[in-house]
Amino acid sequence: MSSDLRLDVTESDGDGRGALTPILHRVVSRHQETADVTILALEPLSGPRLEVRPGQFNMLTAFGVGEVAISVSSAPRDPGPIQHSVRDVGQVTHALCRSRVGDLIGVRGPFGTDWRVSLDDVNSPILSGGDVVVMAGGIGLAPLRGAVHELVARAREGGGRVFVLIGAREPAQIVFNEDLAAWERDGARVLVSVDRGSPQWRGRVGLVTTLLADAGFDASSAAALICGPEIMMRFSARALVDMGVDPHRILVSLERNMQCGLGWCGHCQLGPFILCRDGPVVPYAGVVSHLLSERER
């Protein structure tokens, strides 16, 4: 999902920068979340922090290596630097994960659609008073983290209940453990399952969909946010619909080889969607329920 962009672009944004020109950010802290996931906290060298809605992504540049799309994992109400959780899976992400405090990284964005948890979204299918079920597979919790922060804060103010269902390959792959504990303390129902246990693991073993039966939400009025491997999202969405959740109130996050972030290059096309522009967050109902069965080419 990385590329070296060497396009001669004359179109620019409102302040005159080229649309493909990254803004220099400095790594102000880094945290090794798991063996292959690094959380980078970035601050711009000049100007204000980027305003990002939960679910959107940025294009991060490892200079001399390439550029890659990475979801923002911090919440709008979080003070301080913007955070990205990077999984070491390729040449560019490997370079980003090896970044040290003080290094410079290019940032373009934010791009794409969001989870629609902002209170000013009057037509949101999520903020209608019912329960909200958040289902994440592995690093898929990173794009959902900001949304859960918003939902838990709203629940404390009298909003609907929040249910966070997490699946991971193994205990060592569970991310944001401190957040999971904090969300539970703040009233969310948090359930975690792993595909493979360990001698020290005392939690559940099985697919994330096995958590649905014990979660305790009201499916007739619930909404859901899902992010993870596509096979996980497909089976999770189907299971929710089978329980009675309205498919129009289920949002999923799709990704297809984002390279420009602007809907220009077409690499991320999936059916009628240019996902860097029309996604990554889209309603499950309708054509998306069929597109989730299409393999990435």
Foldseek 3Di string as FASTA:
>chain_A
DWDADDDPACDPDDVRDGLQFFFKWFFADWDCFFPFKIKTFTDGPDDDADQDAQLWWKWKADPPFTIDIFAWQAANPDDGTTMTIAGPDDRGSVSVRPDDGGDIMTIHDRFFDHQPLDPVSPPALAQPQFEEEEEEEQCQCRSCNNVLVSVLVVVLVPGYAYEYFYEYQEPSRDGPPVSLVVSVVSHHHYAYEHCDYDPPDPHHHDQSLVCVVVRDGDLQSYAYEYEYPLVSVLVNLVSSVVVHHDQQRYKYFDFFPDYRLPLPPQRGDQVPDNDSHHDRIDGCPDPNSVSSVDDHD
